[in-house]
Amino acid sequence: MVYGIYIAAALAEIAGCFAFWAWLRLGKSGVWLAPGILSLMLFAYLLTLVPTTVAGRAYAAYGGIYIAMSLIWAWLAEGQRPDRFDLAGAAVCLIGAAIILLPSRV
């Protein structure tokens, strides 16, 4: 359940940030900003669903998931396949996120 929330939050954040990237860096229409803002609002809401009493811990564990999902986004949405260093870095980050998430602290 928690991993699902983190994955959904990562997709929402990446999509929202990509909307701004598309507008500022790729010259897309400012219309991209409206769904981008909504997506970032969804991201913030989803992180509040993580069952922890400490927001910082939720964000710390989220960081590892975000990194892995960003590489998947780069591959699927932007055509940039992760290389071995991307994969190694993501693995380290996911291990870190798992270490933070594994103990039952709720």
N, C-alpha and C. Protein backbone atom coordinates (compact mmCIF):
# COMPACT_ATOMS: atom_id res chain seq x y z
N MET A 1 0.82 -1.20 0.00
CA MET A 1 0.00 0.00 0.00
C MET A 1 0.86 1.26 0.00
N VAL A 2 1.85 1.32 0.90
CA VAL A 2 2.71 2.50 1.00
C VAL A 2 3.50 2.69 -0.29
N TYR A 3 4.02 1.59 -0.83
CA TYR A 3 4.79 1.70 -2.07
C TYR A 3 3.90 2.20 -3.20
N GLY A 4 2.64 1.78 -3.23
CA GLY A 4 1.70 2.25 -4.25
C GLY A 4 1.46 3.75 -4.14
N ILE A 5 1.33 4.23 -2.91
CA ILE A 5 1.16 5.68 -2.70
C ILE A 5 2.39 6.42 -3.20
N TYR A 6 3.57 5.90 -2.86
CA TYR A 6 4.81 6.55 -3.30
C TYR A 6 4.95 6.55 -4.82
N ILE A 7 4.60 5.46 -5.46
CA ILE A 7 4.70 5.39 -6.92
C ILE A 7 3.72 6.38 -7.56
N ALA A 8 2.49 6.42 -7.06
CA ALA A 8 1.50 7.37 -7.59
C ALA A 8 1.96 8.81 -7.36
N ALA A 9 2.51 9.08 -6.17
CA ALA A 9 3.00 10.43 -5.87
C ALA A 9 4.15 10.80 -6.81
N ALA A 10 5.04 9.85 -7.05
CA ALA A 10 6.17 10.13 -7.94
C ALA A 10 5.69 10.44 -9.35
N LEU A 11 4.75 9.66 -9.85
CA LEU A 11 4.22 9.92 -11.19
C LEU A 11 3.56 11.29 -11.26
N ALA A 12 2.81 11.64 -10.22
CA ALA A 12 2.16 12.95 -10.19
C ALA A 12 3.19 14.07 -10.14
N GLU A 13 4.22 13.92 -9.34
CA GLU A 13 5.25 14.97 -9.24
C GLU A 13 6.03 15.10 -10.54
N ILE A 14 6.44 13.98 -11.09
CA ILE A 14 7.21 14.01 -12.33
C ILE A 14 6.39 14.61 -13.46
N ALA A 15 5.13 14.21 -13.57
CA ALA A 15 4.27 14.77 -14.62
C ALA A 15 4.09 16.27 -14.43
N GLY A 16 3.89 16.70 -13.19
CA GLY A 16 3.73 18.13 -12.92
C GLY A 16 4.98 18.92 -13.24
N CYS A 17 6.11 18.40 -12.82
CA CYS A 17 7.37 19.08 -13.11
C CYS A 17 7.68 19.05 -14.60
N PHE A 18 7.34 17.96 -15.26
CA PHE A 18 7.59 17.88 -16.70
C PHE A 18 6.75 18.91 -17.45
N ALA A 19 5.54 19.19 -16.96
CA ALA A 19 4.72 20.22 -17.60
C ALA A 19 5.42 21.57 -17.57
N PHE A 20 6.04 21.89 -16.44
CA PHE A 20 6.81 23.14 -16.36
C PHE A 20 8.04 23.08 -17.26
N TRP A 21 8.70 21.94 -17.29
CA TRP A 21 9.87 21.74 -18.16
C TRP A 21 9.47 21.95 -19.62
N ALA A 22 8.34 21.35 -20.00
CA ALA A 22 7.87 21.47 -21.39
C ALA A 22 7.60 22.94 -21.73
N TRP A 23 7.01 23.67 -20.81
CA TRP A 23 6.70 25.07 -21.04
C TRP A 23 7.97 25.92 -21.13
N LEU A 24 8.87 25.76 -20.15
CA LEU A 24 10.06 26.61 -20.09
C LEU A 24 11.19 26.17 -21.01
N ARG A 25 11.39 24.87 -21.13
CA ARG A 25 12.56 24.38 -21.87
C ARG A 25 12.25 23.91 -23.28
N LEU A 26 11.02 23.46 -23.49
CA LEU A 26 10.67 22.91 -24.80
C LEU A 26 9.77 23.85 -25.61
N GLY A 27 9.44 25.01 -25.03
CA GLY A 27 8.66 25.99 -25.76
C GLY A 27 7.20 25.63 -25.96
N LYS A 28 6.67 24.75 -25.11
CA LYS A 28 5.26 24.37 -25.21
C LYS A 28 4.39 25.52 -24.69
N SER A 29 3.12 25.45 -25.00
CA SER A 29 2.15 26.46 -24.60
C SER A 29 2.03 26.54 -23.08
N GLY A 30 1.67 27.73 -22.60
CA GLY A 30 1.42 27.92 -21.18
C GLY A 30 0.24 27.11 -20.68
N VAL A 31 -0.55 26.56 -21.60
CA VAL A 31 -1.68 25.69 -21.23
C VAL A 31 -1.17 24.47 -20.46
N TRP A 32 0.08 24.08 -20.70
CA TRP A 32 0.67 22.94 -19.99
C TRP A 32 0.73 23.19 -18.48
N LEU A 33 0.71 24.45 -18.06
CA LEU A 33 0.87 24.76 -16.64
C LEU A 33 -0.32 24.32 -15.80
N ALA A 34 -1.53 24.44 -16.32
CA ALA A 34 -2.72 24.08 -15.54
C ALA A 34 -2.71 22.61 -15.11
N PRO A 35 -2.55 21.66 -16.03
CA PRO A 35 -2.48 20.27 -15.56
C PRO A 35 -1.23 20.01 -14.72
N GLY A 36 -0.16 20.76 -15.00
CA GLY A 36 1.05 20.60 -14.19
C GLY A 36 0.81 20.97 -12.74
N ILE A 37 0.13 22.08 -12.53
CA ILE A 37 -0.17 22.52 -11.16
C ILE A 37 -1.10 21.52 -10.47
N LEU A 38 -2.11 21.06 -11.17
CA LEU A 38 -3.02 20.06 -10.60
C LEU A 38 -2.28 18.78 -10.24
N SER A 39 -1.37 18.38 -11.09
CA SER A 39 -0.59 17.18 -10.83
C SER A 39 0.29 17.34 -9.60
N LEU A 40 0.89 18.53 -9.44
CA LEU A 40 1.71 18.78 -8.25
C LEU A 40 0.86 18.83 -6.98
N MET A 41 -0.34 19.32 -7.10
CA MET A 41 -1.25 19.31 -5.94
C MET A 41 -1.61 17.87 -5.56
N LEU A 42 -1.85 17.03 -6.57
CA LEU A 42 -2.13 15.62 -6.32
C LEU A 42 -0.95 14.96 -5.63
N PHE A 43 0.25 15.25 -6.10
CA PHE A 43 1.47 14.72 -5.48
C PHE A 43 1.51 15.06 -3.99
N ALA A 44 1.30 16.33 -3.67
CA ALA A 44 1.37 16.75 -2.26
C ALA A 44 0.30 16.04 -1.43
N TYR A 45 -0.89 15.91 -1.98
CA TYR A 45 -1.96 15.22 -1.28
C TYR A 45 -1.60 13.75 -1.03
N LEU A 46 -1.10 13.09 -2.06
CA LEU A 46 -0.78 11.66 -1.93
C LEU A 46 0.24 11.41 -0.82
N LEU A 47 1.22 12.28 -0.68
CA LEU A 47 2.21 12.06 0.38
C LEU A 47 1.60 12.18 1.77
N THR A 48 0.49 12.91 1.89
CA THR A 48 -0.16 12.99 3.20
C THR A 48 -0.83 11.67 3.59
N LEU A 49 -1.00 10.77 2.62
CA LEU A 49 -1.64 9.48 2.89
C LEU A 49 -0.67 8.43 3.45
N VAL A 50 0.61 8.74 3.43
CA VAL A 50 1.61 7.80 3.95
C VAL A 50 1.42 7.69 5.46
N PRO A 51 1.28 6.46 5.96
CA PRO A 51 1.00 6.27 7.39
C PRO A 51 2.24 6.45 8.27
N THR A 52 2.57 7.69 8.54
CA THR A 52 3.66 8.01 9.45
C THR A 52 3.31 9.30 10.18
N THR A 53 3.86 9.47 11.34
CA THR A 53 3.60 10.69 12.11
C THR A 53 4.65 11.75 11.83
N VAL A 54 5.69 11.40 11.08
CA VAL A 54 6.79 12.32 10.81
C VAL A 54 6.87 12.57 9.31
N ALA A 55 6.54 13.78 8.89
CA ALA A 55 6.54 14.12 7.47
C ALA A 55 7.92 13.93 6.85
N GLY A 56 8.96 14.32 7.56
CA GLY A 56 10.31 14.20 7.02
C GLY A 56 10.69 12.77 6.66
N ARG A 57 10.23 11.82 7.45
CA ARG A 57 10.52 10.41 7.15
C ARG A 57 9.77 9.97 5.89
N ALA A 58 8.55 10.43 5.75
CA ALA A 58 7.79 10.10 4.54
C ALA A 58 8.51 10.66 3.31
N TYR A 59 9.02 11.88 3.41
CA TYR A 59 9.72 12.50 2.28
C TYR A 59 11.05 11.80 2.01
N ALA A 60 11.74 11.41 3.05
CA ALA A 60 13.04 10.74 2.88
C ALA A 60 12.88 9.41 2.16
N ALA A 61 11.92 8.62 2.58
CA ALA A 61 11.69 7.33 1.92
C ALA A 61 11.20 7.55 0.49
N TYR A 62 10.39 8.57 0.30
CA TYR A 62 9.88 8.90 -1.03
C TYR A 62 11.00 9.20 -2.01
N GLY A 63 12.07 9.81 -1.52
CA GLY A 63 13.18 10.20 -2.39
C GLY A 63 13.72 9.04 -3.22
N GLY A 64 13.87 7.89 -2.61
CA GLY A 64 14.38 6.73 -3.34
C GLY A 64 13.43 6.27 -4.42
N ILE A 65 12.15 6.26 -4.11
CA ILE A 65 11.13 5.87 -5.08
C ILE A 65 11.10 6.88 -6.23
N TYR A 66 11.20 8.16 -5.89
CA TYR A 66 11.18 9.22 -6.89
C TYR A 66 12.33 9.07 -7.89
N ILE A 67 13.50 8.76 -7.40
CA ILE A 67 14.65 8.61 -8.28
C ILE A 67 14.43 7.48 -9.27
N ALA A 68 13.98 6.34 -8.78
CA ALA A 68 13.73 5.20 -9.67
C ALA A 68 12.64 5.52 -10.69
N MET A 69 11.56 6.16 -10.24
CA MET A 69 10.47 6.50 -11.15
C MET A 69 10.90 7.55 -12.17
N SER A 70 11.79 8.45 -11.78
CA SER A 70 12.30 9.45 -12.73
C SER A 70 13.06 8.79 -13.87
N LEU A 71 13.82 7.77 -13.56
CA LEU A 71 14.55 7.05 -14.60
C LEU A 71 13.60 6.29 -15.52
N ILE A 72 12.55 5.73 -14.94
CA ILE A 72 11.54 5.05 -15.75
C ILE A 72 10.84 6.07 -16.65
N TRP A 73 10.52 7.24 -16.11
CA TRP A 73 9.91 8.31 -16.90
C TRP A 73 10.82 8.69 -18.06
N ALA A 74 12.10 8.91 -17.76
CA ALA A 74 13.05 9.31 -18.80
C ALA A 74 13.09 8.27 -19.92
N TRP A 75 12.96 7.02 -19.55
CA TRP A 75 13.00 5.94 -20.54
C TRP A 75 11.70 5.90 -21.36
N LEU A 76 10.56 5.85 -20.67
CA LEU A 76 9.28 5.65 -21.36
C LEU A 76 8.74 6.92 -22.02
N ALA A 77 8.90 8.06 -21.37
CA ALA A 77 8.31 9.29 -21.89
C ALA A 77 9.28 10.09 -22.76
N GLU A 78 10.60 9.95 -22.49
CA GLU A 78 11.57 10.77 -23.20
C GLU A 78 12.54 9.97 -24.05
N GLY A 79 12.41 8.66 -24.01
CA GLY A 79 13.24 7.81 -24.86
C GLY A 79 14.69 7.68 -24.43
N GLN A 80 15.00 8.05 -23.20
CA GLN A 80 16.38 7.94 -22.70
C GLN A 80 16.50 6.71 -21.81
N ARG A 81 17.04 5.65 -22.37
CA ARG A 81 17.18 4.40 -21.63
C ARG A 81 18.22 4.54 -20.52
N PRO A 82 17.90 4.06 -19.31
CA PRO A 82 18.88 4.15 -18.21
C PRO A 82 20.12 3.31 -18.51
N ASP A 83 21.28 3.84 -18.14
CA ASP A 83 22.50 3.06 -18.31
C ASP A 83 22.83 2.35 -16.99
N ARG A 84 23.92 1.64 -16.96
CA ARG A 84 24.25 0.85 -15.77
C ARG A 84 24.47 1.71 -14.53
N PHE A 85 24.95 2.93 -14.72
CA PHE A 85 25.15 3.82 -13.57
C PHE A 85 23.81 4.33 -13.04
N ASP A 86 22.89 4.62 -13.95
CA ASP A 86 21.54 5.00 -13.52
C ASP A 86 20.91 3.87 -12.71
N LEU A 87 21.03 2.66 -13.22
CA LEU A 87 20.42 1.51 -12.54
C LEU A 87 21.08 1.24 -11.19
N ALA A 88 22.40 1.35 -11.14
CA ALA A 88 23.10 1.14 -9.86
C ALA A 88 22.70 2.21 -8.84
N GLY A 89 22.64 3.45 -9.28
CA GLY A 89 22.25 4.54 -8.39
C GLY A 89 20.83 4.37 -7.89
N ALA A 90 19.92 3.98 -8.79
CA ALA A 90 18.53 3.77 -8.39
C ALA A 90 18.43 2.61 -7.40
N ALA A 91 19.21 1.56 -7.61
CA ALA A 91 19.18 0.42 -6.69
C ALA A 91 19.61 0.85 -5.29
N VAL A 92 20.67 1.64 -5.22
CA VAL A 92 21.14 2.13 -3.91
C VAL A 92 20.04 2.96 -3.25
N CYS A 93 19.40 3.82 -4.02
CA CYS A 93 18.35 4.67 -3.46
C CYS A 93 17.14 3.86 -3.00
N LEU A 94 16.77 2.84 -3.77
CA LEU A 94 15.65 1.99 -3.37
C LEU A 94 15.97 1.19 -2.12
N ILE A 95 17.20 0.75 -1.99
CA ILE A 95 17.61 0.07 -0.76
C ILE A 95 17.50 1.02 0.43
N GLY A 96 17.93 2.26 0.24
CA GLY A 96 17.80 3.26 1.30
C GLY A 96 16.36 3.52 1.68
N ALA A 97 15.50 3.64 0.67
CA ALA A 97 14.08 3.86 0.94
C ALA A 97 13.49 2.67 1.69
N ALA A 98 13.88 1.45 1.30
CA ALA A 98 13.37 0.25 1.97
C ALA A 98 13.82 0.20 3.42
N ILE A 99 15.04 0.58 3.68
CA ILE A 99 15.55 0.60 5.07
C ILE A 99 14.72 1.56 5.92
N ILE A 100 14.37 2.70 5.35
CA ILE A 100 13.55 3.67 6.08
C ILE A 100 12.13 3.13 6.29
N LEU A 101 11.59 2.47 5.27
CA LEU A 101 10.19 2.01 5.33
C LEU A 101 9.99 0.72 6.11
N LEU A 102 10.98 -0.15 6.17
CA LEU A 102 10.78 -1.47 6.75
C LEU A 102 10.36 -1.50 8.22
N PRO A 103 11.01 -0.74 9.10
CA PRO A 103 10.59 -0.84 10.50
C PRO A 103 9.16 -0.33 10.68
N SER A 104 8.45 -1.01 11.53
CA SER A 104 7.07 -0.60 11.82
C SER A 104 7.12 0.49 12.88
N ARG A 105 6.88 1.73 12.47
CA ARG A 105 6.96 2.86 13.40
C ARG A 105 5.62 3.54 13.59
N VAL A 106 4.60 3.03 12.94
CA VAL A 106 3.30 3.71 12.98
C VAL A 106 2.63 3.49 14.31
